[in-house]
Each structure stands twice: as structure tokens, then as C-alpha cells.
Protein backbone atom coordinates (compact mmCIF):
# COMPACT_ATOMS: atom_id res chain seq x y z
CA UNK A 1 2.00 25.49 0.06
CA UNK A 2 5.59 25.63 1.20
CA UNK A 3 6.51 25.93 4.82
CA UNK A 4 7.18 23.97 7.99
CA UNK A 5 5.52 23.80 11.32
CA UNK A 6 7.22 25.92 13.93
CA UNK A 7 7.62 29.08 11.89
CA UNK A 8 10.98 28.34 10.23
CA UNK A 9 10.77 28.80 6.45
CA UNK A 10 11.93 25.69 4.59
CA UNK A 11 14.19 27.77 2.35
CA UNK A 12 16.28 28.79 5.38
CA UNK A 13 16.88 25.23 6.55
CA UNK A 14 20.13 23.37 5.75
CA UNK A 15 20.00 21.38 2.51
CA UNK A 16 19.87 17.99 4.22
CA UNK A 17 16.96 19.00 6.46
CA UNK A 18 15.02 20.27 3.43
CA UNK A 19 15.54 17.03 1.50
CA UNK A 20 14.93 14.76 4.53
CA UNK A 21 12.17 16.43 6.59
CA UNK A 22 12.20 13.57 9.11
CA UNK A 23 15.61 14.79 10.29
CA UNK A 24 14.22 18.28 10.76
CA UNK A 25 11.47 16.85 12.97
CA UNK A 26 14.16 15.61 15.41
CA UNK A 27 14.72 19.18 16.54
CA UNK A 28 12.96 19.34 19.88
CA UNK A 29 12.10 15.64 19.74
CA UNK A 30 11.18 14.35 23.21
CA UNK A 31 10.40 11.07 24.95
CA UNK A 32 6.74 12.04 24.91
CA UNK A 33 6.89 12.54 21.14
CA UNK A 34 8.64 9.19 20.74
CA UNK A 35 5.91 7.44 22.75
CA UNK A 36 3.24 8.88 20.47
CA UNK A 37 5.15 7.86 17.34
CA UNK A 38 5.85 4.40 18.77
CA UNK A 39 2.20 3.70 19.58
CA UNK A 40 1.04 5.02 16.20
CA UNK A 41 3.70 3.10 14.28
CA UNK A 42 2.88 -0.20 15.97
CA UNK A 43 -0.84 0.37 15.46
CA UNK A 44 -0.38 1.01 11.75
CA UNK A 45 1.92 -2.02 11.41
CA UNK A 46 -0.84 -4.27 12.77
CA UNK A 47 -2.99 -3.17 9.83
CA UNK A 48 -0.16 -2.97 7.29
CA UNK A 49 0.81 -6.66 7.50
CA UNK A 50 -2.52 -8.18 6.36
CA UNK A 51 -3.20 -5.29 3.96
CA UNK A 52 0.17 -5.60 2.24
CA UNK A 53 -0.26 -9.33 1.69
CA UNK A 54 -3.79 -8.85 0.37
CA UNK A 55 -2.87 -6.03 -2.01
CA UNK A 56 -0.06 -8.13 -3.50
CA UNK A 57 -2.39 -11.02 -4.31
CA UNK A 58 -4.85 -8.71 -6.12
CA UNK A 59 -2.69 -8.73 -9.26
CA UNK A 60 -1.05 -12.12 -8.80
CA UNK A 61 2.10 -11.27 -6.79
CA UNK A 62 3.35 -13.55 -3.99
CA UNK A 63 2.39 -12.00 -0.61
CA UNK A 64 5.97 -11.39 0.52
CA UNK A 65 6.36 -8.69 -2.14
CA UNK A 66 3.57 -6.75 -0.49
CA UNK A 67 5.44 -6.96 2.80
CA UNK A 68 8.67 -5.83 1.11
CA UNK A 69 6.79 -2.82 -0.26
CA UNK A 70 5.36 -2.08 3.19
CA UNK A 71 8.88 -2.07 4.62
CA UNK A 72 10.99 -0.20 2.06
CA UNK A 73 8.45 2.24 0.62
CA UNK A 74 7.04 3.09 4.04
CA UNK A 75 10.47 3.85 5.50
CA UNK A 76 11.79 5.86 2.54
CA UNK A 77 8.51 7.74 2.09
CA UNK A 78 8.35 8.65 5.78
CA UNK A 79 11.90 9.98 5.84
CA UNK A 80 11.34 12.22 2.81
CA UNK A 81 7.70 13.24 3.14
CA UNK A 82 6.70 16.78 4.10
CA UNK A 83 3.55 15.33 5.70
CA UNK A 84 4.17 14.06 9.20
CA UNK A 85 1.34 11.54 9.18
CA UNK A 86 1.32 10.15 5.62
CA UNK A 87 2.06 6.42 5.39
CA UNK A 88 3.34 5.07 2.07
CA UNK A 89 3.21 1.53 0.77
CA UNK A 90 0.90 -0.77 -1.18
CA UNK A 91 -2.60 0.62 -1.72
CA UNK A 92 -5.93 -0.60 -3.00
CA UNK A 93 -6.13 1.84 -5.92
CA UNK A 94 -2.58 1.21 -7.14
CA UNK A 95 -3.01 -2.57 -6.95
CA UNK A 96 -6.23 -2.37 -8.96
CA UNK A 97 -4.48 -0.19 -11.56
CA UNK A 98 -1.63 -2.72 -11.71
CA UNK A 99 -4.13 -5.54 -12.19
CA UNK A 100 -5.26 -3.83 -15.38
CA UNK A 101 -1.80 -2.70 -16.51
CA UNK A 102 -0.17 -6.11 -16.05
CA UNK A 103 -3.02 -8.07 -17.63
CA UNK A 104 -1.02 -8.14 -20.89
CA UNK A 105 2.01 -9.66 -19.14
CA UNK A 106 2.30 -13.47 -18.89
CA UNK A 107 1.92 -14.74 -15.34
CA UNK A 108 5.50 -16.05 -15.11
CA UNK A 109 6.88 -12.59 -15.96
CA UNK A 110 4.55 -10.58 -13.75
CA UNK A 111 6.92 -10.21 -10.77
CA UNK A 112 9.73 -8.65 -12.81
CA UNK A 113 7.20 -6.49 -14.70
CA UNK A 114 5.69 -5.15 -11.46
CA UNK A 115 9.12 -4.28 -10.10
CA UNK A 116 9.98 -2.58 -13.40
CA UNK A 117 6.74 -0.59 -13.10
CA UNK A 118 7.88 0.67 -9.70
CA UNK A 119 11.11 1.88 -11.29
CA UNK A 120 9.31 3.60 -14.18
CA UNK A 121 6.76 5.21 -11.87
CA UNK A 122 9.52 6.40 -9.55
CA UNK A 123 11.40 7.99 -12.45
CA UNK A 124 8.25 9.71 -13.72
CA UNK A 125 7.28 11.05 -10.29
CA UNK A 126 10.82 12.25 -9.62
CA UNK A 127 10.85 13.98 -13.01
CA UNK A 128 7.57 15.72 -12.15
CA UNK A 129 9.21 16.97 -8.96
CA UNK A 130 12.36 18.23 -10.69
CA UNK A 131 10.20 20.13 -13.18
CA UNK A 132 8.18 21.48 -10.22
CA UNK A 133 4.92 20.32 -11.75
CA UNK A 134 3.50 18.88 -8.53
CA UNK A 135 1.35 21.93 -7.81
CA UNK A 136 -0.53 21.38 -11.10
CA UNK A 137 -2.25 18.40 -9.49
CA UNK A 138 -4.51 20.77 -7.55
CA UNK A 139 -6.34 21.52 -10.82
CA UNK A 140 -7.53 17.93 -11.17
CA UNK A 141 -11.11 17.67 -10.00
CA UNK A 142 -11.81 15.90 -6.73
CA UNK A 143 -14.66 14.16 -8.54
CA UNK A 144 -12.08 12.41 -10.74
CA UNK A 145 -10.36 10.95 -7.68
CA UNK A 146 -13.66 9.90 -6.10
CA UNK A 147 -14.83 8.34 -9.36
CA UNK A 148 -11.62 6.39 -9.84
CA UNK A 149 -11.60 5.17 -6.23
CA UNK A 150 -15.21 4.01 -6.51
CA UNK A 151 -14.50 2.26 -9.80
CA UNK A 152 -11.38 0.62 -8.37
CA UNK A 153 -13.38 -0.64 -5.41
CA UNK A 154 -15.96 -2.24 -7.72
CA UNK A 155 -13.20 -3.90 -9.76
CA UNK A 156 -11.55 -5.15 -6.57
CA UNK A 157 -14.77 -6.76 -5.34
CA UNK A 158 -15.48 -8.38 -8.70
CA UNK A 159 -11.93 -9.68 -9.06
CA UNK A 160 -11.91 -11.24 -5.59
CA UNK A 161 -15.29 -12.96 -5.95
CA UNK A 162 -13.58 -16.04 -7.39
CA UNK A 163 -11.56 -16.39 -4.18
CA UNK A 164 -14.61 -15.85 -1.99
CA UNK A 165 -16.55 -18.62 -3.76
CA UNK A 166 -13.55 -20.89 -4.28
CA UNK A 167 -13.76 -20.82 -8.08
CA UNK A 168 -10.93 -21.26 -10.57
CA UNK A 169 -10.10 -18.28 -12.82
CA UNK A 170 -11.23 -18.65 -16.42
CA UNK A 171 -10.41 -16.77 -19.61
CA UNK A 172 -7.18 -15.53 -21.15
CA UNK A 173 -5.34 -12.41 -20.03
CA UNK A 174 -6.08 -10.88 -23.46
CA UNK A 175 -9.81 -11.06 -22.70
CA UNK A 176 -11.69 -8.08 -21.29
CA UNK A 177 -11.97 -8.07 -17.51
CA UNK A 178 -15.78 -8.42 -17.58
CA UNK A 179 -15.53 -11.38 -19.95
CA UNK A 180 -13.05 -13.12 -17.65
CA UNK A 181 -15.32 -12.37 -14.68
CA UNK A 182 -18.35 -13.85 -16.45
CA UNK A 183 -16.45 -16.96 -17.55
CA UNK A 184 -15.14 -17.47 -14.01
CA UNK A 185 -18.58 -17.10 -12.44
CA UNK A 186 -20.26 -19.44 -14.96
CA UNK A 187 -17.52 -21.95 -15.76
CA UNK A 188 -15.18 -21.76 -12.75
CA UNK A 189 -16.66 -24.79 -11.00
CA UNK A 190 -18.94 -25.29 -8.02
CA UNK A 191 -19.01 -22.93 -5.05
CA UNK A 192 -16.72 -24.29 -2.33
CA UNK A 193 -18.73 -24.19 0.90
CA UNK A 194 -15.81 -24.12 3.35
CA UNK A 195 -14.02 -21.36 1.41
CA UNK A 196 -17.19 -19.25 1.30
CA UNK A 197 -17.76 -19.79 5.03
CA UNK A 198 -14.20 -18.72 5.89
CA UNK A 199 -14.52 -15.60 3.73
CA UNK A 200 -17.87 -14.56 5.23
CA UNK A 201 -16.67 -15.33 8.75
CA UNK A 202 -13.51 -13.23 8.31
CA UNK A 203 -15.49 -10.25 7.00
CA UNK A 204 -18.05 -10.58 9.81
CA UNK A 205 -15.37 -10.72 12.50
CA UNK A 206 -13.54 -7.70 11.10
CA UNK A 207 -16.79 -5.70 11.09
CA UNK A 208 -17.67 -6.89 14.60
CA UNK A 209 -14.26 -5.91 15.96
CA UNK A 210 -14.55 -2.52 14.26
CA UNK A 211 -17.92 -1.99 15.98
CA UNK A 212 -16.42 -3.03 19.33
CA UNK A 213 -13.49 -0.64 18.79
CA UNK A 214 -15.81 2.27 18.14
CA UNK A 215 -18.06 1.38 21.07
CA UNK A 216 -15.37 0.73 23.70
CA UNK A 217 -12.42 2.63 22.15
CA UNK A 218 -10.12 -0.38 22.63
CA UNK A 219 -7.86 0.15 19.61
CA UNK A 220 -7.83 -3.53 18.63
CA UNK A 221 -6.16 -4.41 15.29
CA UNK A 222 -9.39 -5.72 13.77
CA UNK A 223 -7.99 -6.79 10.40
CA UNK A 224 -5.03 -8.63 11.89
CA UNK A 225 -7.19 -10.37 14.51
CA UNK A 226 -9.78 -11.38 11.92
CA UNK A 227 -7.15 -12.92 9.66
CA UNK A 228 -5.45 -14.63 12.61
CA UNK A 229 -8.76 -16.13 13.74
CA UNK A 230 -9.52 -17.39 10.22
CA UNK A 231 -6.05 -18.90 10.02
CA UNK A 232 -6.53 -20.65 13.38
CA UNK A 233 -9.89 -22.09 12.31
CA UNK A 234 -8.38 -23.34 9.04
CA UNK A 235 -5.46 -24.94 10.88
CA UNK A 236 -7.47 -26.39 13.79
CA UNK A 237 -10.08 -28.08 11.60
CA UNK A 238 -7.57 -28.98 8.85
CA UNK A 239 -9.68 -27.22 6.22
CA UNK A 240 -6.82 -27.33 3.70
CA UNK A 241 -7.54 -31.05 3.33
CA UNK A 242 -11.15 -30.10 2.55
CA UNK A 243 -10.09 -27.89 -0.35
CA UNK A 244 -9.54 -24.49 1.25
CA UNK A 245 -6.60 -22.98 -0.62
CA UNK A 246 -3.84 -21.33 1.41
CA UNK A 247 -1.55 -18.50 0.34
CA UNK A 248 2.03 -19.30 -0.54
CA UNK A 249 4.46 -19.67 2.31
CA UNK A 250 6.12 -16.37 3.12
CA UNK A 251 9.90 -16.71 3.47
CA UNK A 252 11.52 -15.41 6.64
CA UNK A 253 13.74 -12.96 4.80
CA UNK A 254 13.96 -9.22 4.29
CA UNK A 255 14.18 -7.50 0.91
CA UNK A 256 17.68 -7.29 -0.52
CA UNK A 257 19.27 -5.07 -3.15
CA UNK A 258 18.65 -6.23 -6.70
CA UNK A 259 18.71 -4.18 -9.90
CA UNK A 260 15.33 -4.29 -11.72
CA UNK A 261 15.24 -6.38 -14.88
CA UNK A 262 15.30 -3.72 -17.62
CA UNK A 263 13.62 -4.80 -20.86
CA UNK A 264 13.06 -2.10 -23.49
CA UNK A 265 10.18 -3.94 -25.12
CA UNK A 266 8.52 -4.24 -21.71
CA UNK A 267 9.23 -0.57 -20.98
CA UNK A 268 7.45 0.47 -24.18
CA UNK A 269 4.58 -1.86 -23.38
CA UNK A 270 4.08 -0.49 -19.86
CA UNK A 271 5.09 3.17 -20.24
CA UNK A 272 1.57 4.47 -20.87
CA UNK A 273 0.19 2.71 -17.80
CA UNK A 274 3.20 3.85 -15.77
CA UNK A 275 2.41 7.52 -16.50
CA UNK A 276 -1.23 7.05 -15.51
CA UNK A 277 -0.39 5.16 -12.30
CA UNK A 278 2.33 7.70 -11.41
CA UNK A 279 -0.23 10.51 -11.58
CA UNK A 280 -2.76 8.44 -9.65
CA UNK A 281 -0.19 7.77 -6.92
CA UNK A 282 0.62 11.45 -6.56
CA UNK A 283 -3.06 12.39 -6.43
CA UNK A 284 -3.72 9.75 -3.78
CA UNK A 285 -0.83 10.95 -1.61
CA UNK A 286 -1.62 14.65 -2.06
CA UNK A 287 -5.32 14.15 -1.33
CA UNK A 288 -4.61 12.29 1.92
CA UNK A 289 -1.89 14.74 3.02
CA UNK A 290 -4.15 17.73 2.42
CA UNK A 291 -6.99 16.05 4.29
CA UNK A 292 -4.80 15.48 7.34
CA UNK A 293 -3.17 18.92 7.13
CA UNK A 294 -6.57 20.60 7.34
CA UNK A 295 -6.95 19.00 10.78
CA UNK A 296 -3.42 19.42 12.06
CA UNK A 297 -2.81 22.88 10.50
CA UNK A 298 0.52 21.59 9.21
CA UNK A 299 1.79 23.13 5.98
CA UNK A 300 2.63 20.57 3.32
CA UNK A 301 5.24 21.17 0.61
CA UNK A 302 3.63 19.56 -2.45
CA UNK A 303 6.86 19.26 -4.47
CA UNK A 304 8.64 17.65 -1.52
CA UNK A 305 5.71 15.26 -1.19
CA UNK A 306 6.01 14.35 -4.88
CA UNK A 307 9.75 13.81 -4.40
CA UNK A 308 9.10 11.43 -1.51
CA UNK A 309 6.66 9.42 -3.62
CA UNK A 310 9.06 9.24 -6.57
CA UNK A 311 12.11 8.24 -4.55
CA UNK A 312 10.12 5.74 -2.47
CA UNK A 313 8.98 3.94 -5.64
CA UNK A 314 12.39 4.23 -7.28
CA UNK A 315 14.24 2.94 -4.21
CA UNK A 316 11.67 0.22 -3.72
CA UNK A 317 12.25 -1.11 -7.24
CA UNK A 318 15.82 -1.98 -6.20
CA UNK A 319 14.48 -4.00 -3.23
CA UNK A 320 11.82 -6.17 -4.95
CA UNK A 321 8.92 -3.76 -4.33
CA UNK A 322 5.96 -3.13 -6.58
CA UNK A 323 4.50 0.40 -6.95
CA UNK A 324 2.75 2.07 -4.05
CA UNK A 325 1.54 5.43 -2.81
CA UNK A 326 0.20 7.22 0.23
CA UNK A 327 -2.32 4.91 1.89
CA UNK A 328 -5.68 6.46 2.77
CA UNK A 329 -6.46 3.81 5.39
CA UNK A 330 -3.10 3.57 7.13
CA UNK A 331 -2.46 7.33 7.04
CA UNK A 332 -5.83 7.95 8.70
CA UNK A 333 -5.07 5.32 11.36
CA UNK A 334 -1.63 6.85 11.89
CA UNK A 335 -3.19 10.27 12.44
CA UNK A 336 -5.93 8.93 14.72
CA UNK A 337 -3.37 7.01 16.78
CA UNK A 338 -1.59 10.28 17.57
CA UNK A 339 1.49 10.20 15.33
CA UNK A 340 3.54 13.34 15.94
CA UNK A 341 6.27 13.07 13.28
CA UNK A 342 7.39 11.09 10.23
CA UNK A 343 9.22 8.67 12.53
CA UNK A 344 5.95 6.82 13.19
CA UNK A 345 6.22 5.62 9.57
CA UNK A 346 9.79 4.46 10.11
CA UNK A 347 8.70 2.61 13.26
CA UNK A 348 5.84 1.03 11.30
CA UNK A 349 8.26 -0.22 8.63
CA UNK A 350 10.55 -1.63 11.31
CA UNK A 351 7.64 -3.42 12.98
CA UNK A 352 6.57 -5.02 9.68
CA UNK A 353 10.16 -6.17 9.10
CA UNK A 354 10.28 -7.65 12.60
CA UNK A 355 6.99 -9.43 11.97
CA UNK A 356 8.42 -11.01 8.81
CA UNK A 357 11.43 -12.29 10.74
CA UNK A 358 9.56 -13.55 13.79
CA UNK A 359 6.21 -14.84 12.62
CA UNK A 360 6.45 -15.90 8.99
CA UNK A 361 7.12 -19.45 7.87
CA UNK A 362 10.50 -20.56 6.59
């Protein structure tokens, strides 16, 4: 599995180019290559902004932490990844796994616990790399990954139903997920008509724009446009006064260095889930990288890929990020948009950061 496109064995490259493959991709980098990476990076960023905010809210994190993860993890992962098209950051599967893992953590401690999880997961994934155990992941059945992804999708839909219908969450975090879901559906209050209408309208517009994109090949950012349209409707008709709940205001600030809050009792409580999520993250990234490499004929160094995942999570934990992995959706979009090198991921991270500074509320 080791190698690099262009015929130069990785073992013969200078140490820095082996550790940071993005620097190696600068050899022979042209304006044409930059244009392809620029277009791909901006296209992915248009999807990354609404996705990152949504994935953060799945397990109760303020939306800005999703954006922080989409900035730091995406940039670090792109610089270190042996896959030229893989995009790191918050993902559906990881957020669902965190929803379950952090259910035992009180709500007011969930932010620090999620950041600590990123640190633990980063350490575990880096350890797997140093022990050169990354190649063992190929022996895990593809059916396991498909089954987990399908199960995670079902949990995601069930968990978000309360927001679609405008219900208040019921049950204690010690209760089983299905019990909390049942209590919320039966005792969470009346369905809020305006909230339901906004949710259905947003989904319908996203699907309509996706159909238009496929029909006319326009390349419109359907998710971003759908969310923007829903936000405009909510603002124009003052639906907040009618009971439509808005997300928290996102501060116009970038992530800054901060050492994770290390609590040994919390580490013991979360260590089992951290191991499971670390393996899930590696499987998600490896599966997507292999899928893309089959089309591009690029050779992917699995251990280098595991290193990029570990260091991206570990670095992110020092910049208020929660755990992430290689995104199936954004990596596919990056590939389809024509990304030529890892620098499309760096451009994507920069575009998300610029969006935070220019468009978010103070």
C-alpha cells in the first residue's frame, strides 16, 4: 500500500516530505493545478459550513465548535494525509457515536468532555500508527462499516425528530436512547407548525437544488443555499416571535490554543468509547481514501493516513475541536470538483475560517 504518485518511492523522499505529503505535492505544482484545488476547496467549503454546524448540534455542542473542527482538523489532516482528495473534519458517524458516548456526561460539562475525547482519540490513533497497526484495518469486514453507518443514520434521524417537530427533549441522560425518544415524542408537547414547515421546506429545497445540479450540472451549493433560504424566511416573517427556535449566535472568532481540561475520572469514563470511536474514525477515513484511490489510481500509504487522522484529532483538541474523521460526503465532493492535491483541503479550511470572520454574528 505504500508509494506515491509519480514513481518516486516514499522511502527515498526526504523525511519532511514523507511526514508532510502536501509539501511533496508542491513539486511540479502549476497554476492550472492551483485553479483546480481552489475551485474544489471553495466548493467543499460551501458544504462544510452548514454540515459542521449541524454535526455539532447533534450531541449538544454549540455550532461554532463544529466550525472550529472544520478549520483545524481539515487543514492538519490535508497537510499530513497520503490521500490527495480526503477531507477531514466533523462527520455524521462520529457525531452519532459521540452522542452515545457523551450521554453519561452532564450537559454543562459536555464541551470539555468532547474536546478531551478528541485528545484521547488522537493519542490512540497516533499510537496505532507508531505500532504500524493501520494495515490490520483491512481485515474488518465492509459489512461492519455499512451496518454501523446505516445504524448511525437511523439514530441521527430519530434524535433530530424533536427538532423537526419543535418538541422539547424529555428523559434523563441515564435513560436508554429509545426511552428518551419515546418520552420526547409522547410528552414533549404539541407539534410546532412553523418549525415543521421550515424543516420540510429546507429538506425539499435541498433535494430540489440537488436535482437541478444533476440535470443542468450547475455546481450550486445546495445545502448552503437551502439553509440560507430558510434563514431568510425565518428572518423576513419574524418566525422567531412565533416560536421557531434559532441556533446560538456564532462568535466572529477563530479557534485559539487552549490545553484540554484533563480529568482522570473523565478519562477512565470515556476511554472505552474513545477506543471504539478511534477505530471507527480510521475505518471511515481508510474506506473513503481507498474508494477514491480506485478511481484516481493513486497509491495510499495506510499508516501515513492513520498518522494524519491521529495528529489532526490531537492537534484539534488544543484548538477547541471535537473528534472528527475523513468525511465521506465532502471527500466525494472534493474529488468530483477536480481536486488535484491535498492543498484543496487547506483552501477549504481557509475558506471556512474566512466565512466565520465575515458572515457570522458578533
